[in-house]
PDB file of N, CA and C in Angstrom:
ATOM      1  N   MET A   1     -43.245   3.852 -41.676  1.00  0.00           N
ATOM      2  CA  MET A   1     -44.160   2.799 -41.307  1.00  0.00           C
ATOM      3  C   MET A   1     -43.833   1.540 -42.115  1.00  0.00           C
ATOM      4  N   PRO A   2     -43.484   0.439 -41.464  1.00  0.00           N
ATOM      5  CA  PRO A   2     -43.180  -0.800 -42.170  1.00  0.00           C
ATOM      6  C   PRO A   2     -44.380  -1.288 -42.982  1.00  0.00           C
ATOM      7  N   LYS A   3     -44.068  -1.774 -44.192  1.00  0.00           N
ATOM      8  CA  LYS A   3     -45.116  -2.203 -45.114  1.00  0.00           C
ATOM      9  C   LYS A   3     -44.581  -3.335 -45.977  1.00  0.00           C
ATOM     10  N   ALA A   4     -45.445  -4.309 -46.258  1.00  0.00           N
ATOM     11  CA  ALA A   4     -45.109  -5.412 -47.164  1.00  0.00           C
ATOM     12  C   ALA A   4     -46.062  -5.359 -48.349  1.00  0.00           C
ATOM     13  N   THR A   5     -45.496  -5.365 -49.576  1.00  0.00           N
ATOM     14  CA  THR A   5     -46.332  -5.337 -50.781  1.00  0.00           C
ATOM     15  C   THR A   5     -45.873  -6.403 -51.767  1.00  0.00           C
ATOM     16  N   TRP A   6     -46.833  -6.891 -52.531  1.00  0.00           N
ATOM     17  CA  TRP A   6     -46.522  -7.821 -53.624  1.00  0.00           C
ATOM     18  C   TRP A   6     -47.527  -7.590 -54.742  1.00  0.00           C
ATOM     19  N   ASN A   7     -47.020  -7.508 -55.947  1.00  0.00           N
ATOM     20  CA  ASN A   7     -47.853  -7.237 -57.123  1.00  0.00           C
ATOM     21  C   ASN A   7     -48.681  -5.968 -56.945  1.00  0.00           C
ATOM     22  N   GLY A   8     -48.094  -4.970 -56.296  1.00  0.00           N
ATOM     23  CA  GLY A   8     -48.748  -3.683 -56.134  1.00  0.00           C
ATOM     24  C   GLY A   8     -49.809  -3.613 -55.053  1.00  0.00           C
ATOM     25  N   VAL A   9     -49.961  -4.672 -54.267  1.00  0.00           N
ATOM     26  CA  VAL A   9     -50.975  -4.718 -53.218  1.00  0.00           C
ATOM     27  C   VAL A   9     -50.297  -4.737 -51.849  1.00  0.00           C
ATOM     28  N   VAL A  10     -50.791  -3.911 -50.938  1.00  0.00           N
ATOM     29  CA  VAL A  10     -50.271  -3.903 -49.564  1.00  0.00           C
ATOM     30  C   VAL A  10     -50.831  -5.120 -48.838  1.00  0.00           C
ATOM     31  N   ILE A  11     -49.920  -5.951 -48.347  1.00  0.00           N
ATOM     32  CA  ILE A  11     -50.305  -7.182 -47.642  1.00  0.00           C
ATOM     33  C   ILE A  11     -50.258  -6.976 -46.130  1.00  0.00           C
ATOM     34  N   ALA A  12     -49.310  -6.149 -45.683  1.00  0.00           N
ATOM     35  CA  ALA A  12     -49.159  -5.883 -44.249  1.00  0.00           C
ATOM     36  C   ALA A  12     -48.645  -4.466 -44.068  1.00  0.00           C
ATOM     37  N   GLU A  13     -49.089  -3.838 -42.965  1.00  0.00           N
ATOM     38  CA  GLU A  13     -48.634  -2.487 -42.645  1.00  0.00           C
ATOM     39  C   GLU A  13     -48.803  -2.280 -41.150  1.00  0.00           C
ATOM     40  N   ALA A  14     -47.783  -1.727 -40.527  1.00  0.00           N
ATOM     41  CA  ALA A  14     -47.820  -1.514 -39.080  1.00  0.00           C
ATOM     42  C   ALA A  14     -46.909  -0.349 -38.732  1.00  0.00           C
ATOM     43  N   SER A  15     -47.093   0.187 -37.545  1.00  0.00           N
ATOM     44  CA  SER A  15     -46.186   1.235 -37.093  1.00  0.00           C
ATOM     45  C   SER A  15     -44.868   0.597 -36.674  1.00  0.00           C
ATOM     46  N   ALA A  16     -43.825   1.392 -36.652  1.00  0.00           N
ATOM     47  CA  ALA A  16     -42.485   0.879 -36.345  1.00  0.00           C
ATOM     48  C   ALA A  16     -42.418   0.216 -34.969  1.00  0.00           C
ATOM     49  N   ASP A  17     -43.192   0.715 -34.018  1.00  0.00           N
ATOM     50  CA  ASP A  17     -43.131   0.130 -32.675  1.00  0.00           C
ATOM     51  C   ASP A  17     -43.955  -1.154 -32.543  1.00  0.00           C
ATOM     52  N   GLU A  18     -44.675  -1.531 -33.591  1.00  0.00           N
ATOM     53  CA  GLU A  18     -45.465  -2.769 -33.551  1.00  0.00           C
ATOM     54  C   GLU A  18     -44.721  -3.969 -34.120  1.00  0.00           C
ATOM     55  N   VAL A  19     -43.686  -3.743 -34.916  1.00  0.00           N
ATOM     56  CA  VAL A  19     -42.979  -4.848 -35.561  1.00  0.00           C
ATOM     57  C   VAL A  19     -41.751  -5.256 -34.759  1.00  0.00           C
ATOM     58  N   GLU A  20     -41.299  -6.457 -35.024  1.00  0.00           N
ATOM     59  CA  GLU A  20     -40.039  -6.957 -34.477  1.00  0.00           C
ATOM     60  C   GLU A  20     -39.099  -7.150 -35.669  1.00  0.00           C
ATOM     61  N   ILE A  21     -37.875  -6.688 -35.553  1.00  0.00           N
ATOM     62  CA  ILE A  21     -36.895  -6.895 -36.614  1.00  0.00           C
ATOM     63  C   ILE A  21     -35.814  -7.827 -36.075  1.00  0.00           C
ATOM     64  N   VAL A  22     -35.706  -8.976 -36.712  1.00  0.00           N
ATOM     65  CA  VAL A  22     -34.742  -9.995 -36.301  1.00  0.00           C
ATOM     66  C   VAL A  22     -34.024 -10.481 -37.548  1.00  0.00           C
ATOM     67  N   GLU A  23     -32.715 -10.449 -37.517  1.00  0.00           N
ATOM     68  CA  GLU A  23     -31.886 -10.901 -38.638  1.00  0.00           C
ATOM     69  C   GLU A  23     -32.327 -10.237 -39.953  1.00  0.00           C
ATOM     70  N   HIS A  24     -32.579  -8.952 -39.901  1.00  0.00           N
ATOM     71  CA  HIS A  24     -32.966  -8.128 -41.053  1.00  0.00           C
ATOM     72  C   HIS A  24     -34.350  -8.456 -41.604  1.00  0.00           C
ATOM     73  N   ASN A  25     -35.120  -9.262 -40.904  1.00  0.00           N
ATOM     74  CA  ASN A  25     -36.485  -9.570 -41.325  1.00  0.00           C
ATOM     75  C   ASN A  25     -37.472  -8.815 -40.439  1.00  0.00           C
ATOM     76  N   VAL A  26     -38.498  -8.263 -41.065  1.00  0.00           N
ATOM     77  CA  VAL A  26     -39.532  -7.531 -40.333  1.00  0.00           C
ATOM     78  C   VAL A  26     -40.679  -8.498 -40.038  1.00  0.00           C
ATOM     79  N   TYR A  27     -40.984  -8.690 -38.762  1.00  0.00           N
ATOM     80  CA  TYR A  27     -42.071  -9.565 -38.329  1.00  0.00           C
ATOM     81  C   TYR A  27     -43.258  -8.701 -37.923  1.00  0.00           C
ATOM     82  N   PHE A  28     -44.345  -8.823 -38.694  1.00  0.00           N
ATOM     83  CA  PHE A  28     -45.550  -8.037 -38.459  1.00  0.00           C
ATOM     84  C   PHE A  28     -46.471  -8.748 -37.472  1.00  0.00           C
ATOM     85  N   PRO A  29     -47.161  -7.989 -36.616  1.00  0.00           N
ATOM     86  CA  PRO A  29     -48.174  -8.626 -35.780  1.00  0.00           C
ATOM     87  C   PRO A  29     -49.292  -9.185 -36.675  1.00  0.00           C
ATOM     88  N   PRO A  30     -49.851 -10.334 -36.337  1.00  0.00           N
ATOM     89  CA  PRO A  30     -50.841 -10.952 -37.221  1.00  0.00           C
ATOM     90  C   PRO A  30     -52.050 -10.060 -37.510  1.00  0.00           C
ATOM     91  N   GLU A  31     -52.419  -9.224 -36.575  1.00  0.00           N
ATOM     92  CA  GLU A  31     -53.582  -8.356 -36.790  1.00  0.00           C
ATOM     93  C   GLU A  31     -53.308  -7.223 -37.776  1.00  0.00           C
ATOM     94  N   ARG A  32     -52.046  -7.042 -38.171  1.00  0.00           N
ATOM     95  CA  ARG A  32     -51.682  -6.017 -39.152  1.00  0.00           C
ATOM     96  C   ARG A  32     -51.427  -6.602 -40.544  1.00  0.00           C
ATOM     97  N   VAL A  33     -51.712  -7.888 -40.686  1.00  0.00           N
ATOM     98  CA  VAL A  33     -51.537  -8.574 -41.972  1.00  0.00           C
ATOM     99  C   VAL A  33     -52.919  -8.867 -42.548  1.00  0.00           C
ATOM    100  N   LYS A  34     -53.099  -8.586 -43.827  1.00  0.00           N
ATOM    101  CA  LYS A  34     -54.381  -8.839 -44.498  1.00  0.00           C
ATOM    102  C   LYS A  34     -54.454 -10.313 -44.869  1.00  0.00           C
ATOM    103  N   LYS A  35     -55.148 -11.072 -44.043  1.00  0.00           N
ATOM    104  CA  LYS A  35     -55.195 -12.527 -44.164  1.00  0.00           C
ATOM    105  C   LYS A  35     -55.839 -12.997 -45.471  1.00  0.00           C
ATOM    106  N   GLU A  36     -56.625 -12.127 -46.117  1.00  0.00           N
ATOM    107  CA  GLU A  36     -57.251 -12.545 -47.372  1.00  0.00           C
ATOM    108  C   GLU A  36     -56.214 -12.804 -48.469  1.00  0.00           C
ATOM    109  N   PHE A  37     -54.959 -12.356 -48.255  1.00  0.00           N
ATOM    110  CA  PHE A  37     -53.899 -12.589 -49.231  1.00  0.00           C
ATOM    111  C   PHE A  37     -52.993 -13.763 -48.842  1.00  0.00           C
ATOM    112  N   LEU A  38     -53.332 -14.447 -47.746  1.00  0.00           N
ATOM    113  CA  LEU A  38     -52.519 -15.578 -47.290  1.00  0.00           C
ATOM    114  C   LEU A  38     -53.285 -16.884 -47.454  1.00  0.00           C
ATOM    115  N   GLN A  39     -52.557 -17.899 -47.866  1.00  0.00           N
ATOM    116  CA  GLN A  39     -53.119 -19.233 -48.055  1.00  0.00           C
ATOM    117  C   GLN A  39     -52.192 -20.209 -47.330  1.00  0.00           C
ATOM    118  N   ASP A  40     -52.753 -21.064 -46.488  1.00  0.00           N
ATOM    119  CA  ASP A  40     -51.931 -22.021 -45.741  1.00  0.00           C
ATOM    120  C   ASP A  40     -51.058 -22.846 -46.674  1.00  0.00           C
ATOM    121  N   SER A  41     -49.861 -23.147 -46.208  1.00  0.00           N
ATOM    122  CA  SER A  41     -48.921 -24.007 -46.911  1.00  0.00           C
ATOM    123  C   SER A  41     -48.494 -25.116 -45.956  1.00  0.00           C
ATOM    124  N   ALA A  42     -48.203 -26.270 -46.474  1.00  0.00           N
ATOM    125  CA  ALA A  42     -47.730 -27.385 -45.644  1.00  0.00           C
ATOM    126  C   ALA A  42     -46.230 -27.299 -45.375  1.00  0.00           C
ATOM    127  N   HIS A  43     -45.559 -26.338 -46.003  1.00  0.00           N
ATOM    128  CA  HIS A  43     -44.103 -26.211 -45.898  1.00  0.00           C
ATOM    129  C   HIS A  43     -43.691 -25.763 -44.493  1.00  0.00           C
ATOM    130  N   THR A  44     -42.621 -26.355 -43.984  1.00  0.00           N
ATOM    131  CA  THR A  44     -42.021 -25.934 -42.714  1.00  0.00           C
ATOM    132  C   THR A  44     -40.502 -25.960 -42.860  1.00  0.00           C
ATOM    133  N   THR A  45     -39.833 -25.185 -42.012  1.00  0.00           N
ATOM    134  CA  THR A  45     -38.377 -25.232 -41.907  1.00  0.00           C
ATOM    135  C   THR A  45     -38.025 -25.156 -40.430  1.00  0.00           C
ATOM    136  N   MET A  46     -36.770 -25.488 -40.138  1.00  0.00           N
ATOM    137  CA  MET A  46     -36.308 -25.478 -38.757  1.00  0.00           C
ATOM    138  C   MET A  46     -35.171 -24.476 -38.604  1.00  0.00           C
ATOM    139  N   CYS A  47     -35.317 -23.555 -37.686  1.00  0.00           N
ATOM    140  CA  CYS A  47     -34.243 -22.632 -37.330  1.00  0.00           C
ATOM    141  C   CYS A  47     -33.651 -23.127 -36.013  1.00  0.00           C
ATOM    142  N   PRO A  48     -32.325 -23.237 -35.928  1.00  0.00           N
ATOM    143  CA  PRO A  48     -31.713 -23.767 -34.708  1.00  0.00           C
ATOM    144  C   PRO A  48     -32.061 -22.988 -33.444  1.00  0.00           C
ATOM    145  N   TRP A  49     -32.300 -21.686 -33.547  1.00  0.00           N
ATOM    146  CA  TRP A  49     -32.579 -20.945 -32.318  1.00  0.00           C
ATOM    147  C   TRP A  49     -34.014 -20.434 -32.206  1.00  0.00           C
ATOM    148  N   LYS A  50     -34.756 -20.374 -33.321  1.00  0.00           N
ATOM    149  CA  LYS A  50     -36.140 -19.884 -33.246  1.00  0.00           C
ATOM    150  C   LYS A  50     -37.156 -21.021 -33.207  1.00  0.00           C
ATOM    151  N   GLY A  51     -36.826 -22.152 -33.792  1.00  0.00           N
ATOM    152  CA  GLY A  51     -37.745 -23.285 -33.805  1.00  0.00           C
ATOM    153  C   GLY A  51     -38.284 -23.565 -35.194  1.00  0.00           C
ATOM    154  N   VAL A  52     -39.441 -24.216 -35.257  1.00  0.00           N
ATOM    155  CA  VAL A  52     -40.045 -24.612 -36.527  1.00  0.00           C
ATOM    156  C   VAL A  52     -40.896 -23.469 -37.076  1.00  0.00           C
ATOM    157  N   ALA A  53     -40.616 -23.098 -38.323  1.00  0.00           N
ATOM    158  CA  ALA A  53     -41.393 -22.061 -39.004  1.00  0.00           C
ATOM    159  C   ALA A  53     -42.440 -22.719 -39.895  1.00  0.00           C
ATOM    160  N   SER A  54     -43.644 -22.166 -39.873  1.00  0.00           N
ATOM    161  CA  SER A  54     -44.713 -22.564 -40.777  1.00  0.00           C
ATOM    162  C   SER A  54     -44.839 -21.480 -41.836  1.00  0.00           C
ATOM    163  N   TYR A  55     -45.431 -21.823 -42.975  1.00  0.00           N
ATOM    164  CA  TYR A  55     -45.461 -20.899 -44.109  1.00  0.00           C
ATOM    165  C   TYR A  55     -46.867 -20.658 -44.643  1.00  0.00           C
ATOM    166  N   TYR A  56     -46.981 -19.534 -45.330  1.00  0.00           N
ATOM    167  CA  TYR A  56     -48.174 -19.194 -46.108  1.00  0.00           C
ATOM    168  C   TYR A  56     -47.733 -18.926 -47.544  1.00  0.00           C
ATOM    169  N   ASN A  57     -48.605 -19.227 -48.483  1.00  0.00           N
ATOM    170  CA  ASN A  57     -48.458 -18.721 -49.840  1.00  0.00           C
ATOM    171  C   ASN A  57     -49.100 -17.336 -49.853  1.00  0.00           C
ATOM    172  N   VAL A  58     -48.531 -16.416 -50.594  1.00  0.00           N
ATOM    173  CA  VAL A  58     -49.132 -15.103 -50.777  1.00  0.00           C
ATOM    174  C   VAL A  58     -49.859 -15.132 -52.117  1.00  0.00           C
ATOM    175  N   VAL A  59     -51.143 -14.784 -52.102  1.00  0.00           N
ATOM    176  CA  VAL A  59     -51.970 -14.860 -53.306  1.00  0.00           C
ATOM    177  C   VAL A  59     -52.589 -13.487 -53.577  1.00  0.00           C
ATOM    178  N   VAL A  60     -52.276 -12.925 -54.746  1.00  0.00           N
ATOM    179  CA  VAL A  60     -52.816 -11.628 -55.159  1.00  0.00           C
ATOM    180  C   VAL A  60     -53.321 -11.756 -56.594  1.00  0.00           C
ATOM    181  N   ASP A  61     -54.574 -11.423 -56.794  1.00  0.00           N
ATOM    182  CA  ASP A  61     -55.191 -11.469 -58.133  1.00  0.00           C
ATOM    183  C   ASP A  61     -54.957 -12.804 -58.836  1.00  0.00           C
ATOM    184  N   GLY A  62     -55.077 -13.887 -58.076  1.00  0.00           N
ATOM    185  CA  GLY A  62     -54.928 -15.220 -58.639  1.00  0.00           C
ATOM    186  C   GLY A  62     -53.497 -15.688 -58.832  1.00  0.00           C
ATOM    187  N   GLN A  63     -52.528 -14.797 -58.622  1.00  0.00           N
ATOM    188  CA  GLN A  63     -51.116 -15.193 -58.729  1.00  0.00           C
ATOM    189  C   GLN A  63     -50.622 -15.657 -57.359  1.00  0.00           C
ATOM    190  N   VAL A  64     -49.932 -16.779 -57.362  1.00  0.00           N
ATOM    191  CA  VAL A  64     -49.466 -17.392 -56.117  1.00  0.00           C
ATOM    192  C   VAL A  64     -47.958 -17.251 -55.989  1.00  0.00           C
ATOM    193  N   ASN A  65     -47.525 -16.725 -54.864  1.00  0.00           N
ATOM    194  CA  ASN A  65     -46.109 -16.645 -54.513  1.00  0.00           C
ATOM    195  C   ASN A  65     -45.904 -17.669 -53.394  1.00  0.00           C
ATOM    196  N   GLY A  66     -45.437 -18.857 -53.772  1.00  0.00           N
ATOM    197  CA  GLY A  66     -45.346 -19.976 -52.844  1.00  0.00           C
ATOM    198  C   GLY A  66     -44.408 -19.747 -51.671  1.00  0.00           C
ATOM    199  N   ASN A  67     -44.917 -20.050 -50.493  1.00  0.00           N
ATOM    200  CA  ASN A  67     -44.130 -19.996 -49.249  1.00  0.00           C
ATOM    201  C   ASN A  67     -43.438 -18.648 -49.050  1.00  0.00           C
ATOM    202  N   ALA A  68     -44.117 -17.575 -49.412  1.00  0.00           N
ATOM    203  CA  ALA A  68     -43.517 -16.239 -49.346  1.00  0.00           C
ATOM    204  C   ALA A  68     -43.683 -15.562 -47.992  1.00  0.00           C
ATOM    205  N   ALA A  69     -44.397 -16.194 -47.075  1.00  0.00           N
ATOM    206  CA  ALA A  69     -44.567 -15.648 -45.723  1.00  0.00           C
ATOM    207  C   ALA A  69     -44.340 -16.771 -44.721  1.00  0.00           C
ATOM    208  N   TRP A  70     -43.746 -16.424 -43.593  1.00  0.00           N
ATOM    209  CA  TRP A  70     -43.536 -17.449 -42.565  1.00  0.00           C
ATOM    210  C   TRP A  70     -43.797 -16.879 -41.187  1.00  0.00           C
ATOM    211  N   TYR A  71     -44.003 -17.805 -40.248  1.00  0.00           N
ATOM    212  CA  TYR A  71     -44.274 -17.443 -38.856  1.00  0.00           C
ATOM    213  C   TYR A  71     -43.885 -18.604 -37.957  1.00  0.00           C
ATOM    214  N   TYR A  72     -43.770 -18.315 -36.676  1.00  0.00           N
ATOM    215  CA  TYR A  72     -43.398 -19.325 -35.682  1.00  0.00           C
ATOM    216  C   TYR A  72     -44.571 -19.519 -34.719  1.00  0.00           C
ATOM    217  N   PRO A  73     -45.377 -20.580 -34.915  1.00  0.00           N
ATOM    218  CA  PRO A  73     -46.522 -20.786 -34.022  1.00  0.00           C
ATOM    219  C   PRO A  73     -46.113 -21.160 -32.594  1.00  0.00           C
ATOM    220  N   THR A  74     -45.003 -21.875 -32.457  1.00  0.00           N
ATOM    221  CA  THR A  74     -44.505 -22.255 -31.132  1.00  0.00           C
ATOM    222  C   THR A  74     -42.992 -22.039 -31.094  1.00  0.00           C
ATOM    223  N   PRO A  75     -42.566 -20.776 -31.049  1.00  0.00           N
ATOM    224  CA  PRO A  75     -41.123 -20.495 -31.077  1.00  0.00           C
ATOM    225  C   PRO A  75     -40.426 -20.945 -29.796  1.00  0.00           C
ATOM    226  N   SER A  76     -39.126 -21.032 -29.874  1.00  0.00           N
ATOM    227  CA  SER A  76     -38.321 -21.331 -28.689  1.00  0.00           C
ATOM    228  C   SER A  76     -38.440 -20.167 -27.702  1.00  0.00           C
ATOM    229  N   ASP A  77     -38.010 -20.379 -26.495  1.00  0.00           N
ATOM    230  CA  ASP A  77     -38.025 -19.306 -25.488  1.00  0.00           C
ATOM    231  C   ASP A  77     -37.203 -18.105 -25.946  1.00  0.00           C
ATOM    232  N   ALA A  78     -36.116 -18.370 -26.651  1.00  0.00           N
ATOM    233  CA  ALA A  78     -35.248 -17.284 -27.118  1.00  0.00           C
ATOM    234  C   ALA A  78     -35.943 -16.400 -28.157  1.00  0.00           C
ATOM    235  N   ALA A  79     -36.966 -16.945 -28.825  1.00  0.00           N
ATOM    236  CA  ALA A  79     -37.659 -16.199 -29.890  1.00  0.00           C
ATOM    237  C   ALA A  79     -39.129 -15.965 -29.555  1.00  0.00           C
ATOM    238  N   LYS A  80     -39.482 -16.017 -28.293  1.00  0.00           N
ATOM    239  CA  LYS A  80     -40.902 -15.938 -27.919  1.00  0.00           C
ATOM    240  C   LYS A  80     -41.587 -14.652 -28.374  1.00  0.00           C
ATOM    241  N   THR A  81     -40.839 -13.574 -28.601  1.00  0.00           N
ATOM    242  CA  THR A  81     -41.456 -12.321 -29.066  1.00  0.00           C
ATOM    243  C   THR A  81     -41.935 -12.436 -30.514  1.00  0.00           C
ATOM    244  N   LEU A  82     -41.527 -13.494 -31.213  1.00  0.00           N
ATOM    245  CA  LEU A  82     -41.934 -13.680 -32.604  1.00  0.00           C
ATOM    246  C   LEU A  82     -43.187 -14.543 -32.756  1.00  0.00           C
ATOM    247  N   LYS A  83     -43.728 -15.036 -31.675  1.00  0.00           N
ATOM    248  CA  LYS A  83     -44.872 -15.956 -31.751  1.00  0.00           C
ATOM    249  C   LYS A  83     -45.978 -15.387 -32.646  1.00  0.00           C
ATOM    250  N   ASN A  84     -46.279 -16.148 -33.698  1.00  0.00           N
ATOM    251  CA  ASN A  84     -47.342 -15.851 -34.667  1.00  0.00           C
ATOM    252  C   ASN A  84     -47.141 -14.581 -35.489  1.00  0.00           C
ATOM    253  N   ARG A  85     -46.021 -13.891 -35.318  1.00  0.00           N
ATOM    254  CA  ARG A  85     -45.735 -12.730 -36.167  1.00  0.00           C
ATOM    255  C   ARG A  85     -45.346 -13.228 -37.549  1.00  0.00           C
ATOM    256  N   ILE A  86     -45.648 -12.441 -38.567  1.00  0.00           N
ATOM    257  CA  ILE A  86     -45.478 -12.895 -39.946  1.00  0.00           C
ATOM    258  C   ILE A  86     -44.422 -12.066 -40.660  1.00  0.00           C
ATOM    259  N   ALA A  87     -43.479 -12.758 -41.304  1.00  0.00           N
ATOM    260  CA  ALA A  87     -42.417 -12.120 -42.092  1.00  0.00           C
ATOM    261  C   ALA A  87     -42.563 -12.571 -43.547  1.00  0.00           C
ATOM    262  N   PHE A  88     -41.928 -11.818 -44.447  1.00  0.00           N
ATOM    263  CA  PHE A  88     -42.087 -12.069 -45.881  1.00  0.00           C
ATOM    264  C   PHE A  88     -40.747 -12.127 -46.595  1.00  0.00           C
ATOM    265  N   TRP A  89     -40.734 -12.806 -47.749  1.00  0.00           N
ATOM    266  CA  TRP A  89     -39.583 -12.864 -48.642  1.00  0.00           C
ATOM    267  C   TRP A  89     -40.070 -13.289 -50.015  1.00  0.00           C
ATOM    268  N   HIS A  90     -39.210 -13.860 -50.870  1.00  0.00           N
ATOM    269  CA  HIS A  90     -39.571 -14.332 -52.225  1.00  0.00           C
ATOM    270  C   HIS A  90     -40.211 -13.247 -53.079  1.00  0.00           C
ATOM    271  N   GLY A  91     -39.629 -12.073 -53.068  1.00  0.00           N
ATOM    272  CA  GLY A  91     -40.126 -11.023 -53.932  1.00  0.00           C
ATOM    273  C   GLY A  91     -41.152 -10.097 -53.300  1.00  0.00           C
ATOM    274  N   VAL A  92     -41.604 -10.414 -52.106  1.00  0.00           N
ATOM    275  CA  VAL A  92     -42.486  -9.486 -51.383  1.00  0.00           C
ATOM    276  C   VAL A  92     -41.594  -8.331 -50.930  1.00  0.00           C
ATOM    277  N   GLU A  93     -41.948  -7.112 -51.301  1.00  0.00           N
ATOM    278  CA  GLU A  93     -41.153  -5.948 -50.927  1.00  0.00           C
ATOM    279  C   GLU A  93     -41.529  -5.511 -49.519  1.00  0.00           C
ATOM    280  N   VAL A  94     -40.517  -5.422 -48.661  1.00  0.00           N
ATOM    281  CA  VAL A  94     -40.756  -4.992 -47.290  1.00  0.00           C
ATOM    282  C   VAL A  94     -39.962  -3.711 -47.046  1.00  0.00           C
ATOM    283  N   GLN A  95     -40.671  -2.670 -46.692  1.00  0.00           N
ATOM    284  CA  GLN A  95     -40.047  -1.387 -46.346  1.00  0.00           C
ATOM    285  C   GLN A  95     -40.122  -1.229 -44.829  1.00  0.00           C
ATOM    286  N   HIS A  96     -39.031  -0.723 -44.256  1.00  0.00           N
ATOM    287  CA  HIS A  96     -39.084  -0.442 -42.806  1.00  0.00           C
ATOM    288  C   HIS A  96     -38.241   0.745 -42.459  1.00  0.00           C
TER     289      HIS A  96
END
């Protein structure tokens, strides 16, 4: 079962058939992510084929991991299966 943890806290968990894996990144459905650990970030990046990614800071016990989660609110047609799914990096451990 895919799971994302940071600082010993499970941030996201889903069954294998619920996630999308693209370019070695696990994209969790938003309903499987514990939103209480996410804080909006103004940071964005552009992927040539997926579109503009928006970011969240991951916050656990007052510690902030800046821009450690990202998602595509309006992905390109080629990446439409990723719409609003959330992926992690910057030290967030993701098992799949």
